[in-house]
PDB file of N, CA and C in Angstrom:
ATOM      1  N   MET A   1       0.855  -1.183  -0.006  1.00  0.00           N
ATOM      2  CA  MET A   1      -0.002  -0.006   0.022  1.00  0.00           C
ATOM      3  C   MET A   1       0.890   1.257   0.014  1.00  0.00           C
ATOM      4  N   HIS A   2       0.728   2.098  -0.984  1.00  0.00           N
ATOM      5  CA  HIS A   2       1.479   3.301  -1.166  1.00  0.00           C
ATOM      6  C   HIS A   2       1.344   4.267  -0.011  1.00  0.00           C
ATOM      7  N   GLU A   3       0.121   4.330   0.565  1.00  0.00           N
ATOM      8  CA  GLU A   3      -0.095   5.232   1.674  1.00  0.00           C
ATOM      9  C   GLU A   3       0.677   4.832   2.893  1.00  0.00           C
ATOM     10  N   MET A   4       0.932   3.566   3.129  1.00  0.00           N
ATOM     11  CA  MET A   4       1.705   3.122   4.282  1.00  0.00           C
ATOM     12  C   MET A   4       3.147   3.645   4.230  1.00  0.00           C
ATOM     13  N   SER A   5       3.771   3.523   3.087  1.00  0.00           N
ATOM     14  CA  SER A   5       5.167   3.981   2.984  1.00  0.00           C
ATOM     15  C   SER A   5       5.230   5.489   3.175  1.00  0.00           C
ATOM     16  N   LEU A   6       4.242   6.200   2.685  1.00  0.00           N
ATOM     17  CA  LEU A   6       4.212   7.646   2.882  1.00  0.00           C
ATOM     18  C   LEU A   6       3.974   7.988   4.325  1.00  0.00           C
ATOM     19  N   ALA A   7       3.056   7.263   4.984  1.00  0.00           N
ATOM     20  CA  ALA A   7       2.778   7.511   6.393  1.00  0.00           C
ATOM     21  C   ALA A   7       4.014   7.281   7.238  1.00  0.00           C
ATOM     22  N   ILE A   8       4.795   6.259   6.940  1.00  0.00           N
ATOM     23  CA  ILE A   8       6.037   5.964   7.648  1.00  0.00           C
ATOM     24  C   ILE A   8       7.025   7.136   7.444  1.00  0.00           C
ATOM     25  N   SER A   9       7.126   7.617   6.239  1.00  0.00           N
ATOM     26  CA  SER A   9       8.027   8.749   5.957  1.00  0.00           C
ATOM     27  C   SER A   9       7.622  10.026   6.678  1.00  0.00           C
ATOM     28  N   ILE A  10       6.295  10.261   6.746  1.00  0.00           N
ATOM     29  CA  ILE A  10       5.781  11.440   7.487  1.00  0.00           C
ATOM     30  C   ILE A  10       6.089  11.290   8.957  1.00  0.00           C
ATOM     31  N   VAL A  11       5.881  10.142   9.546  1.00  0.00           N
ATOM     32  CA  VAL A  11       6.164   9.930  10.944  1.00  0.00           C
ATOM     33  C   VAL A  11       7.663  10.170  11.197  1.00  0.00           C
ATOM     34  N   GLU A  12       8.511   9.615  10.360  1.00  0.00           N
ATOM     35  CA  GLU A  12       9.981   9.831  10.552  1.00  0.00           C
ATOM     36  C   GLU A  12      10.345  11.315  10.456  1.00  0.00           C
ATOM     37  N   LEU A  13       9.777  11.983   9.492  1.00  0.00           N
ATOM     38  CA  LEU A  13      10.083  13.435   9.285  1.00  0.00           C
ATOM     39  C   LEU A  13       9.650  14.215  10.520  1.00  0.00           C
ATOM     40  N   VAL A  14       8.443  14.051  10.940  1.00  0.00           N
ATOM     41  CA  VAL A  14       7.928  14.910  12.086  1.00  0.00           C
ATOM     42  C   VAL A  14       8.578  14.528  13.370  1.00  0.00           C
ATOM     43  N   SER A  15       8.918  13.201  13.557  1.00  0.00           N
ATOM     44  CA  SER A  15       9.589  12.808  14.760  1.00  0.00           C
ATOM     45  C   SER A  15      11.000  13.444  14.859  1.00  0.00           C
ATOM     46  N   ASP A  16      11.689  13.405  13.688  1.00  0.00           N
ATOM     47  CA  ASP A  16      13.036  14.047  13.671  1.00  0.00           C
ATOM     48  C   ASP A  16      12.953  15.542  13.950  1.00  0.00           C
ATOM     49  N   LYS A  17      11.979  16.200  13.365  1.00  0.00           N
ATOM     50  CA  LYS A  17      11.812  17.671  13.586  1.00  0.00           C
ATOM     51  C   LYS A  17      11.467  17.967  15.010  1.00  0.00           C
ATOM     52  N   ALA A  18      10.636  17.172  15.621  1.00  0.00           N
ATOM     53  CA  ALA A  18      10.267  17.379  17.032  1.00  0.00           C
ATOM     54  C   ALA A  18      11.484  17.185  17.918  1.00  0.00           C
ATOM     55  N   GLN A  19      12.245  16.127  17.705  1.00  0.00           N
ATOM     56  CA  GLN A  19      13.428  15.910  18.502  1.00  0.00           C
ATOM     57  C   GLN A  19      14.458  17.010  18.311  1.00  0.00           C
ATOM     58  N   ALA A  20      14.587  17.500  17.084  1.00  0.00           N
ATOM     59  CA  ALA A  20      15.528  18.620  16.819  1.00  0.00           C
ATOM     60  C   ALA A  20      15.109  19.906  17.560  1.00  0.00           C
ATOM     61  N   ALA A  21      13.797  20.017  17.796  1.00  0.00           N
ATOM     62  CA  ALA A  21      13.249  21.159  18.526  1.00  0.00           C
ATOM     63  C   ALA A  21      13.282  20.950  20.009  1.00  0.00           C
ATOM     64  N   GLY A  22      13.793  19.781  20.453  1.00  0.00           N
ATOM     65  CA  GLY A  22      13.908  19.524  21.877  1.00  0.00           C
ATOM     66  C   GLY A  22      12.656  18.967  22.500  1.00  0.00           C
ATOM     67  N   SER A  23      11.753  18.393  21.666  1.00  0.00           N
ATOM     68  CA  SER A  23      10.507  17.845  22.191  1.00  0.00           C
ATOM     69  C   SER A  23      10.497  16.330  21.934  1.00  0.00           C
ATOM     70  N   GLU A  24       9.796  15.639  22.807  1.00  0.00           N
ATOM     71  CA  GLU A  24       9.684  14.186  22.640  1.00  0.00           C
ATOM     72  C   GLU A  24       8.332  13.741  22.137  1.00  0.00           C
ATOM     73  N   LYS A  25       7.396  14.738  21.919  1.00  0.00           N
ATOM     74  CA  LYS A  25       6.021  14.395  21.584  1.00  0.00           C
ATOM     75  C   LYS A  25       5.451  15.339  20.507  1.00  0.00           C
ATOM     76  N   VAL A  26       4.957  14.738  19.457  1.00  0.00           N
ATOM     77  CA  VAL A  26       4.233  15.509  18.401  1.00  0.00           C
ATOM     78  C   VAL A  26       2.732  15.416  18.761  1.00  0.00           C
ATOM     79  N   THR A  27       2.064  16.543  18.834  1.00  0.00           N
ATOM     80  CA  THR A  27       0.643  16.546  19.198  1.00  0.00           C
ATOM     81  C   THR A  27      -0.280  16.737  18.028  1.00  0.00           C
ATOM     82  N   ALA A  28       0.189  17.404  16.982  1.00  0.00           N
ATOM     83  CA  ALA A  28      -0.679  17.649  15.802  1.00  0.00           C
ATOM     84  C   ALA A  28       0.195  17.806  14.558  1.00  0.00           C
ATOM     85  N   ILE A  29      -0.375  17.366  13.447  1.00  0.00           N
ATOM     86  CA  ILE A  29       0.296  17.464  12.152  1.00  0.00           C
ATOM     87  C   ILE A  29      -0.745  17.924  11.122  1.00  0.00           C
ATOM     88  N   GLU A  30      -0.404  18.914  10.332  1.00  0.00           N
ATOM     89  CA  GLU A  30      -1.242  19.388   9.285  1.00  0.00           C
ATOM     90  C   GLU A  30      -0.599  19.068   7.922  1.00  0.00           C
ATOM     91  N   LEU A  31      -1.376  18.398   7.067  1.00  0.00           N
ATOM     92  CA  LEU A  31      -0.902  17.993   5.753  1.00  0.00           C
ATOM     93  C   LEU A  31      -1.748  18.629   4.682  1.00  0.00           C
ATOM     94  N   GLU A  32      -1.171  18.894   3.521  1.00  0.00           N
ATOM     95  CA  GLU A  32      -1.901  19.203   2.314  1.00  0.00           C
ATOM     96  C   GLU A  32      -1.705  18.076   1.327  1.00  0.00           C
ATOM     97  N   VAL A  33      -2.805  17.559   0.811  1.00  0.00           N
ATOM     98  CA  VAL A  33      -2.773  16.442  -0.141  1.00  0.00           C
ATOM     99  C   VAL A  33      -3.625  16.870  -1.362  1.00  0.00           C
ATOM    100  N   GLY A  34      -2.952  16.852  -2.564  1.00  0.00           N
ATOM    101  CA  GLY A  34      -3.673  17.223  -3.721  1.00  0.00           C
ATOM    102  C   GLY A  34      -4.586  16.119  -4.195  1.00  0.00           C
ATOM    103  N   ARG A  35      -5.730  16.485  -4.721  1.00  0.00           N
ATOM    104  CA  ARG A  35      -6.704  15.504  -5.184  1.00  0.00           C
ATOM    105  C   ARG A  35      -6.200  14.725  -6.405  1.00  0.00           C
ATOM    106  N   LEU A  36      -5.157  15.247  -7.080  1.00  0.00           N
ATOM    107  CA  LEU A  36      -4.612  14.568  -8.253  1.00  0.00           C
ATOM    108  C   LEU A  36      -3.397  13.755  -7.923  1.00  0.00           C
ATOM    109  N   SER A  37      -3.070  13.665  -6.618  1.00  0.00           N
ATOM    110  CA  SER A  37      -1.826  12.980  -6.186  1.00  0.00           C
ATOM    111  C   SER A  37      -1.951  11.451  -6.246  1.00  0.00           C
ATOM    112  N   GLY A  38      -3.131  10.948  -6.346  1.00  0.00           N
ATOM    113  CA  GLY A  38      -3.351   9.524  -6.332  1.00  0.00           C
ATOM    114  C   GLY A  38      -3.504   8.940  -4.913  1.00  0.00           C
ATOM    115  N   LEU A  39      -3.375   9.803  -3.913  1.00  0.00           N
ATOM    116  CA  LEU A  39      -3.494   9.337  -2.510  1.00  0.00           C
ATOM    117  C   LEU A  39      -4.953   9.411  -2.050  1.00  0.00           C
ATOM    118  N   MET A  40      -5.288   8.411  -1.243  1.00  0.00           N
ATOM    119  CA  MET A  40      -6.574   8.426  -0.593  1.00  0.00           C
ATOM    120  C   MET A  40      -6.377   8.946   0.837  1.00  0.00           C
ATOM    121  N   ALA A  41      -6.995  10.108   1.138  1.00  0.00           N
ATOM    122  CA  ALA A  41      -6.820  10.725   2.441  1.00  0.00           C
ATOM    123  C   ALA A  41      -7.193   9.801   3.579  1.00  0.00           C
ATOM    124  N   GLU A  42      -8.275   9.071   3.470  1.00  0.00           N
ATOM    125  CA  GLU A  42      -8.721   8.164   4.527  1.00  0.00           C
ATOM    126  C   GLU A  42      -7.750   7.028   4.764  1.00  0.00           C
ATOM    127  N   ALA A  43      -7.187   6.491   3.685  1.00  0.00           N
ATOM    128  CA  ALA A  43      -6.181   5.434   3.794  1.00  0.00           C
ATOM    129  C   ALA A  43      -4.917   5.976   4.423  1.00  0.00           C
ATOM    130  N   LEU A  44      -4.509   7.180   4.035  1.00  0.00           N
ATOM    131  CA  LEU A  44      -3.331   7.792   4.638  1.00  0.00           C
ATOM    132  C   LEU A  44      -3.507   8.006   6.145  1.00  0.00           C
ATOM    133  N   ALA A  45      -4.672   8.458   6.536  1.00  0.00           N
ATOM    134  CA  ALA A  45      -4.945   8.662   7.956  1.00  0.00           C
ATOM    135  C   ALA A  45      -4.937   7.336   8.730  1.00  0.00           C
ATOM    136  N   PHE A  46      -5.459   6.288   8.162  1.00  0.00           N
ATOM    137  CA  PHE A  46      -5.444   4.966   8.762  1.00  0.00           C
ATOM    138  C   PHE A  46      -4.006   4.472   8.931  1.00  0.00           C
ATOM    139  N   CYS A  47      -3.268   4.597   7.889  1.00  0.00           N
ATOM    140  CA  CYS A  47      -1.876   4.115   7.863  1.00  0.00           C
ATOM    141  C   CYS A  47      -1.011   4.939   8.867  1.00  0.00           C
ATOM    142  N   PHE A  48      -1.295   6.260   8.946  1.00  0.00           N
ATOM    143  CA  PHE A  48      -0.571   7.102   9.848  1.00  0.00           C
ATOM    144  C   PHE A  48      -0.718   6.603  11.258  1.00  0.00           C
ATOM    145  N   GLU A  49      -1.916   6.264  11.655  1.00  0.00           N
ATOM    146  CA  GLU A  49      -2.126   5.802  13.022  1.00  0.00           C
ATOM    147  C   GLU A  49      -1.316   4.579  13.314  1.00  0.00           C
ATOM    148  N   ALA A  50      -1.249   3.654  12.402  1.00  0.00           N
ATOM    149  CA  ALA A  50      -0.419   2.434  12.585  1.00  0.00           C
ATOM    150  C   ALA A  50       1.057   2.753  12.579  1.00  0.00           C
ATOM    151  N   ALA A  51       1.487   3.630  11.657  1.00  0.00           N
ATOM    152  CA  ALA A  51       2.923   3.967  11.530  1.00  0.00           C
ATOM    153  C   ALA A  51       3.411   4.754  12.760  1.00  0.00           C
ATOM    154  N   ALA A  52       2.542   5.467  13.396  1.00  0.00           N
ATOM    155  CA  ALA A  52       2.940   6.357  14.497  1.00  0.00           C
ATOM    156  C   ALA A  52       3.096   5.606  15.827  1.00  0.00           C
ATOM    157  N   ARG A  53       2.646   4.375  15.915  1.00  0.00           N
ATOM    158  CA  ARG A  53       2.752   3.622  17.156  1.00  0.00           C
ATOM    159  C   ARG A  53       4.182   3.577  17.652  1.00  0.00           C
ATOM    160  N   ASN A  54       4.352   3.799  18.942  1.00  0.00           N
ATOM    161  CA  ASN A  54       5.646   3.764  19.648  1.00  0.00           C
ATOM    162  C   ASN A  54       6.664   4.752  19.056  1.00  0.00           C
ATOM    163  N   THR A  55       6.156   5.862  18.542  1.00  0.00           N
ATOM    164  CA  THR A  55       7.036   6.957  18.071  1.00  0.00           C
ATOM    165  C   THR A  55       6.580   8.263  18.726  1.00  0.00           C
ATOM    166  N   PRO A  56       7.325   9.342  18.604  1.00  0.00           N
ATOM    167  CA  PRO A  56       6.868  10.619  19.162  1.00  0.00           C
ATOM    168  C   PRO A  56       5.547  11.149  18.570  1.00  0.00           C
ATOM    169  N   ALA A  57       5.180  10.589  17.403  1.00  0.00           N
ATOM    170  CA  ALA A  57       3.925  11.021  16.744  1.00  0.00           C
ATOM    171  C   ALA A  57       2.727  10.208  17.197  1.00  0.00           C
ATOM    172  N   GLU A  58       2.877   9.234  18.043  1.00  0.00           N
ATOM    173  CA  GLU A  58       1.747   8.412  18.496  1.00  0.00           C
ATOM    174  C   GLU A  58       0.690   9.293  19.167  1.00  0.00           C
ATOM    175  N   GLY A  59      -0.551   9.164  18.732  1.00  0.00           N
ATOM    176  CA  GLY A  59      -1.618   9.941  19.303  1.00  0.00           C
ATOM    177  C   GLY A  59      -1.752  11.325  18.712  1.00  0.00           C
ATOM    178  N   ALA A  60      -0.915  11.748  17.820  1.00  0.00           N
ATOM    179  CA  ALA A  60      -0.983  13.076  17.265  1.00  0.00           C
ATOM    180  C   ALA A  60      -2.242  13.235  16.454  1.00  0.00           C
ATOM    181  N   LYS A  61      -2.821  14.415  16.517  1.00  0.00           N
ATOM    182  CA  LYS A  61      -3.994  14.725  15.708  1.00  0.00           C
ATOM    183  C   LYS A  61      -3.515  15.023  14.267  1.00  0.00           C
ATOM    184  N   LEU A  62      -4.105  14.324  13.307  1.00  0.00           N
ATOM    185  CA  LEU A  62      -3.706  14.502  11.915  1.00  0.00           C
ATOM    186  C   LEU A  62      -4.813  15.247  11.187  1.00  0.00           C
ATOM    187  N   LEU A  63      -4.470  16.406  10.652  1.00  0.00           N
ATOM    188  CA  LEU A  63      -5.403  17.215   9.853  1.00  0.00           C
ATOM    189  C   LEU A  63      -4.913  17.119   8.399  1.00  0.00           C
ATOM    190  N   ILE A  64      -5.784  16.568   7.576  1.00  0.00           N
ATOM    191  CA  ILE A  64      -5.466  16.480   6.143  1.00  0.00           C
ATOM    192  C   ILE A  64      -6.378  17.445   5.380  1.00  0.00           C
ATOM    193  N   ARG A  65      -5.764  18.401   4.708  1.00  0.00           N
ATOM    194  CA  ARG A  65      -6.526  19.353   3.896  1.00  0.00           C
ATOM    195  C   ARG A  65      -6.317  18.945   2.434  1.00  0.00           C
ATOM    196  N   GLU A  66      -7.397  18.607   1.768  1.00  0.00           N
ATOM    197  CA  GLU A  66      -7.312  18.203   0.337  1.00  0.00           C
ATOM    198  C   GLU A  66      -7.415  19.458  -0.544  1.00  0.00           C
ATOM    199  N   LEU A  67      -6.525  19.495  -1.514  1.00  0.00           N
ATOM    200  CA  LEU A  67      -6.450  20.621  -2.435  1.00  0.00           C
ATOM    201  C   LEU A  67      -6.959  20.176  -3.805  1.00  0.00           C
ATOM    202  N   ASP A  68      -7.865  21.027  -4.379  1.00  0.00           N
ATOM    203  CA  ASP A  68      -8.353  20.800  -5.718  1.00  0.00           C
ATOM    204  C   ASP A  68      -7.188  20.912  -6.702  1.00  0.00           C
ATOM    205  N   GLY A  69      -7.347  20.183  -7.837  1.00  0.00           N
ATOM    206  CA  GLY A  69      -6.447  20.363  -8.909  1.00  0.00           C
ATOM    207  C   GLY A  69      -6.736  21.673  -9.634  1.00  0.00           C
ATOM    208  N   ARG A  70      -5.697  22.320 -10.098  1.00  0.00           N
ATOM    209  CA  ARG A  70      -5.834  23.605 -10.858  1.00  0.00           C
ATOM    210  C   ARG A  70      -4.974  23.515 -12.080  1.00  0.00           C
ATOM    211  N   GLY A  71      -5.490  24.020 -13.170  1.00  0.00           N
ATOM    212  CA  GLY A  71      -4.761  24.066 -14.438  1.00  0.00           C
ATOM    213  C   GLY A  71      -4.781  25.435 -15.037  1.00  0.00           C
ATOM    214  N   ASN A  72      -3.750  25.711 -15.776  1.00  0.00           N
ATOM    215  CA  ASN A  72      -3.619  26.950 -16.543  1.00  0.00           C
ATOM    216  C   ASN A  72      -3.505  26.599 -17.996  1.00  0.00           C
ATOM    217  N   CYS A  73      -4.219  27.268 -18.879  1.00  0.00           N
ATOM    218  CA  CYS A  73      -4.131  27.049 -20.310  1.00  0.00           C
ATOM    219  C   CYS A  73      -3.142  28.048 -20.886  1.00  0.00           C
ATOM    220  N   PRO A  74      -2.045  27.621 -21.433  1.00  0.00           N
ATOM    221  CA  PRO A  74      -1.110  28.521 -22.015  1.00  0.00           C
ATOM    222  C   PRO A  74      -1.611  29.249 -23.233  1.00  0.00           C
ATOM    223  N   ALA A  75      -2.589  28.668 -23.937  1.00  0.00           N
ATOM    224  CA  ALA A  75      -3.111  29.242 -25.145  1.00  0.00           C
ATOM    225  C   ALA A  75      -3.980  30.487 -24.886  1.00  0.00           C
ATOM    226  N   CYS A  76      -4.898  30.345 -23.943  1.00  0.00           N
ATOM    227  CA  CYS A  76      -5.807  31.472 -23.669  1.00  0.00           C
ATOM    228  C   CYS A  76      -5.657  32.105 -22.282  1.00  0.00           C
ATOM    229  N   ARG A  77      -4.721  31.537 -21.497  1.00  0.00           N
ATOM    230  CA  ARG A  77      -4.371  32.001 -20.138  1.00  0.00           C
ATOM    231  C   ARG A  77      -5.526  31.845 -19.120  1.00  0.00           C
ATOM    232  N   HIS A  78      -6.427  30.985 -19.431  1.00  0.00           N
ATOM    233  CA  HIS A  78      -7.528  30.689 -18.508  1.00  0.00           C
ATOM    234  C   HIS A  78      -7.027  29.755 -17.384  1.00  0.00           C
ATOM    235  N   SER A  79      -7.403  30.059 -16.165  1.00  0.00           N
ATOM    236  CA  SER A  79      -7.078  29.228 -14.985  1.00  0.00           C
ATOM    237  C   SER A  79      -8.382  28.593 -14.496  1.00  0.00           C
ATOM    238  N   PHE A  80      -8.341  27.294 -14.162  1.00  0.00           N
ATOM    239  CA  PHE A  80      -9.566  26.581 -13.832  1.00  0.00           C
ATOM    240  C   PHE A  80      -9.253  25.343 -12.980  1.00  0.00           C
ATOM    241  N   ILE A  81     -10.309  24.833 -12.341  1.00  0.00           N
ATOM    242  CA  ILE A  81     -10.229  23.648 -11.537  1.00  0.00           C
ATOM    243  C   ILE A  81     -10.232  22.438 -12.462  1.00  0.00           C
ATOM    244  N   VAL A  82      -9.361  21.439 -12.194  1.00  0.00           N
ATOM    245  CA  VAL A  82      -9.327  20.249 -13.038  1.00  0.00           C
ATOM    246  C   VAL A  82      -9.538  19.023 -12.121  1.00  0.00           C
ATOM    247  N   ASP A  83     -10.101  17.936 -12.644  1.00  0.00           N
ATOM    248  CA  ASP A  83     -10.249  16.747 -11.882  1.00  0.00           C
ATOM    249  C   ASP A  83      -9.481  15.573 -12.439  1.00  0.00           C
ATOM    250  N   SER A  84      -8.603  15.884 -13.391  1.00  0.00           N
ATOM    251  CA  SER A  84      -7.763  14.860 -14.016  1.00  0.00           C
ATOM    252  C   SER A  84      -6.465  15.476 -14.501  1.00  0.00           C
ATOM    253  N   LEU A  85      -5.401  14.679 -14.574  1.00  0.00           N
ATOM    254  CA  LEU A  85      -4.146  15.204 -15.111  1.00  0.00           C
ATOM    255  C   LEU A  85      -4.241  15.411 -16.612  1.00  0.00           C
ATOM    256  N   LEU A  86      -5.213  14.831 -17.266  1.00  0.00           N
ATOM    257  CA  LEU A  86      -5.457  15.008 -18.712  1.00  0.00           C
ATOM    258  C   LEU A  86      -6.687  15.959 -18.827  1.00  0.00           C
ATOM    259  N   ALA A  87      -6.465  17.243 -18.732  1.00  0.00           N
ATOM    260  CA  ALA A  87      -7.555  18.204 -18.711  1.00  0.00           C
ATOM    261  C   ALA A  87      -7.671  18.931 -20.040  1.00  0.00           C
ATOM    262  N   GLN A  88      -8.895  19.370 -20.298  1.00  0.00           N
ATOM    263  CA  GLN A  88      -9.155  20.182 -21.465  1.00  0.00           C
ATOM    264  C   GLN A  88      -9.629  21.548 -20.989  1.00  0.00           C
ATOM    265  N   CYS A  89      -9.084  22.621 -21.572  1.00  0.00           N
ATOM    266  CA  CYS A  89      -9.509  23.942 -21.193  1.00  0.00           C
ATOM    267  C   CYS A  89     -10.984  24.155 -21.496  1.00  0.00           C
ATOM    268  N   PRO A  90     -11.760  24.611 -20.536  1.00  0.00           N
ATOM    269  CA  PRO A  90     -13.208  24.784 -20.818  1.00  0.00           C
ATOM    270  C   PRO A  90     -13.460  26.072 -21.628  1.00  0.00           C
ATOM    271  N   GLN A  91     -12.493  26.914 -21.703  1.00  0.00           N
ATOM    272  CA  GLN A  91     -12.687  28.188 -22.468  1.00  0.00           C
ATOM    273  C   GLN A  91     -12.343  28.056 -23.890  1.00  0.00           C
ATOM    274  N   CYS A  92     -11.171  27.450 -24.239  1.00  0.00           N
ATOM    275  CA  CYS A  92     -10.781  27.401 -25.683  1.00  0.00           C
ATOM    276  C   CYS A  92     -10.728  25.995 -26.206  1.00  0.00           C
ATOM    277  N   GLY A  93     -10.872  24.952 -25.308  1.00  0.00           N
ATOM    278  CA  GLY A  93     -10.854  23.599 -25.746  1.00  0.00           C
ATOM    279  C   GLY A  93      -9.473  22.976 -25.924  1.00  0.00           C
ATOM    280  N   GLY A  94      -8.455  23.687 -25.591  1.00  0.00           N
ATOM    281  CA  GLY A  94      -7.077  23.224 -25.740  1.00  0.00           C
ATOM    282  C   GLY A  94      -6.757  22.125 -24.761  1.00  0.00           C
ATOM    283  N   TYR A  95      -5.810  21.289 -25.142  1.00  0.00           N
ATOM    284  CA  TYR A  95      -5.410  20.193 -24.242  1.00  0.00           C
ATOM    285  C   TYR A  95      -4.004  20.413 -23.647  1.00  0.00           C
ATOM    286  N   ALA A  96      -3.323  21.449 -24.007  1.00  0.00           N
ATOM    287  CA  ALA A  96      -1.967  21.709 -23.483  1.00  0.00           C
ATOM    288  C   ALA A  96      -2.076  22.455 -22.156  1.00  0.00           C
ATOM    289  N   VAL A  97      -2.743  21.806 -21.187  1.00  0.00           N
ATOM    290  CA  VAL A  97      -2.992  22.471 -19.916  1.00  0.00           C
ATOM    291  C   VAL A  97      -1.842  22.138 -18.949  1.00  0.00           C
ATOM    292  N   ASP A  98      -1.380  23.170 -18.311  1.00  0.00           N
ATOM    293  CA  ASP A  98      -0.312  23.066 -17.292  1.00  0.00           C
ATOM    294  C   ASP A  98      -1.024  22.821 -15.931  1.00  0.00           C
ATOM    295  N   ILE A  99      -0.735  21.700 -15.302  1.00  0.00           N
ATOM    296  CA  ILE A  99      -1.269  21.386 -13.954  1.00  0.00           C
ATOM    297  C   ILE A  99      -0.442  22.122 -12.942  1.00  0.00           C
ATOM    298  N   VAL A 100      -1.018  23.042 -12.224  1.00  0.00           N
ATOM    299  CA  VAL A 100      -0.221  23.887 -11.295  1.00  0.00           C
ATOM    300  C   VAL A 100      -0.515  23.556  -9.846  1.00  0.00           C
ATOM    301  N   GLN A 101      -1.534  22.806  -9.560  1.00  0.00           N
ATOM    302  CA  GLN A 101      -1.887  22.409  -8.191  1.00  0.00           C
ATOM    303  C   GLN A 101      -2.670  21.130  -8.230  1.00  0.00           C
ATOM    304  N   GLY A 102      -2.457  20.327  -7.149  1.00  0.00           N
ATOM    305  CA  GLY A 102      -3.273  19.121  -7.002  1.00  0.00           C
ATOM    306  C   GLY A 102      -2.459  17.871  -6.876  1.00  0.00           C
ATOM    307  N   ARG A 103      -1.134  17.914  -7.115  1.00  0.00           N
ATOM    308  CA  ARG A 103      -0.305  16.690  -6.997  1.00  0.00           C
ATOM    309  C   ARG A 103       0.503  16.701  -5.718  1.00  0.00           C
ATOM    310  N   GLU A 104       0.304  17.660  -4.817  1.00  0.00           N
ATOM    311  CA  GLU A 104       1.159  17.829  -3.662  1.00  0.00           C
ATOM    312  C   GLU A 104       0.885  16.794  -2.559  1.00  0.00           C
ATOM    313  N   LEU A 105       1.927  16.596  -1.783  1.00  0.00           N
ATOM    314  CA  LEU A 105       1.815  15.979  -0.444  1.00  0.00           C
ATOM    315  C   LEU A 105       2.827  16.777   0.376  1.00  0.00           C
ATOM    316  N   LYS A 106       2.315  17.608   1.261  1.00  0.00           N
ATOM    317  CA  LYS A 106       3.185  18.523   1.989  1.00  0.00           C
ATOM    318  C   LYS A 106       2.822  18.546   3.480  1.00  0.00           C
ATOM    319  N   VAL A 107       3.841  18.466   4.355  1.00  0.00           N
ATOM    320  CA  VAL A 107       3.640  18.700   5.763  1.00  0.00           C
ATOM    321  C   VAL A 107       3.679  20.217   5.947  1.00  0.00           C
ATOM    322  N   VAL A 108       2.536  20.780   6.280  1.00  0.00           N
ATOM    323  CA  VAL A 108       2.379  22.231   6.410  1.00  0.00           C
ATOM    324  C   VAL A 108       2.860  22.716   7.809  1.00  0.00           C
ATOM    325  N   SER A 109       2.501  21.971   8.805  1.00  0.00           N
ATOM    326  CA  SER A 109       2.924  22.327  10.155  1.00  0.00           C
ATOM    327  C   SER A 109       2.867  21.112  11.104  1.00  0.00           C
ATOM    328  N   LEU A 110       3.584  21.270  12.193  1.00  0.00           N
ATOM    329  CA  LEU A 110       3.468  20.280  13.238  1.00  0.00           C
ATOM    330  C   LEU A 110       3.532  21.005  14.566  1.00  0.00           C
ATOM    331  N   THR A 111       2.786  20.450  15.572  1.00  0.00           N
ATOM    332  CA  THR A 111       2.786  21.021  16.890  1.00  0.00           C
ATOM    333  C   THR A 111       3.384  19.978  17.833  1.00  0.00           C
ATOM    334  N   VAL A 112       4.256  20.486  18.669  1.00  0.00           N
ATOM    335  CA  VAL A 112       4.925  19.580  19.642  1.00  0.00           C
ATOM    336  C   VAL A 112       4.560  19.987  21.042  1.00  0.00           C
ATOM    337  N   ASP A 113       4.705  19.022  21.925  1.00  0.00           N
ATOM    338  CA  ASP A 113       4.416  19.274  23.336  1.00  0.00           C
ATOM    339  C   ASP A 113       5.596  20.028  23.938  1.00  0.00           C
ATOM    340  N   ASP A 114       5.317  21.129  24.527  1.00  0.00           N
ATOM    341  CA  ASP A 114       6.379  21.952  25.206  1.00  0.00           C
ATOM    342  C   ASP A 114       6.492  21.379  26.622  1.00  0.00           C
ATOM    343  N   GLU A 115       7.599  20.713  26.921  1.00  0.00           N
ATOM    344  CA  GLU A 115       7.763  20.027  28.201  1.00  0.00           C
ATOM    345  C   GLU A 115       7.798  20.993  29.354  1.00  0.00           C
ATOM    346  N   ASP A 116       8.198  22.246  29.091  1.00  0.00           N
ATOM    347  CA  ASP A 116       8.272  23.249  30.158  1.00  0.00           C
ATOM    348  C   ASP A 116       6.958  23.705  30.707  1.00  0.00           C
ATOM    349  N   GLU A 117       5.860  23.476  29.931  1.00  0.00           N
ATOM    350  CA  GLU A 117       4.518  23.902  30.342  1.00  0.00           C
ATOM    351  C   GLU A 117       3.930  23.021  31.376  1.00  0.00           C
ATOM    352  N   GLY A 118       4.426  21.773  31.558  1.00  0.00           N
ATOM    353  CA  GLY A 118       3.797  20.771  32.442  1.00  0.00           C
ATOM    354  C   GLY A 118       3.715  21.237  33.802  1.00  0.00           C
TER     355      GLY A 118
END
C-alpha cells in the first residue's frame, strides 16, 4: 500500500523535527494532499495511526486538507479547476493544460508538546 510507505516517511520526518526542537512528543500534524496525487486521504490517515505507534507522533491529531487540482491554459491564459491530469481547457478547448496544483503531499505544520509547560 502506497499510503503506508508515505505515512512511515511522514512519521519519521515529524519525529526528527520534534526531537531537533527539543521535544519528545508530536501533538498535531497538518498536511496538504492534492486531489490529483493519487493518494486516498482516509487510507493515509489509517496508515498514519499504525505507523505512529511507539514513536513521538503516536496519538498526534492528523489534519489532512485536500487541495483541488488547478490548471492553466497557455493558449488562452484561462485558470480553472481540473479533476484529471489530462484536462481540457473549458474556455478554448485546448489540451496543453499546465497542472499547477493538485499533486502535492506537504507537511504544512506540526505542533509539539512543550515540556516546560507541564
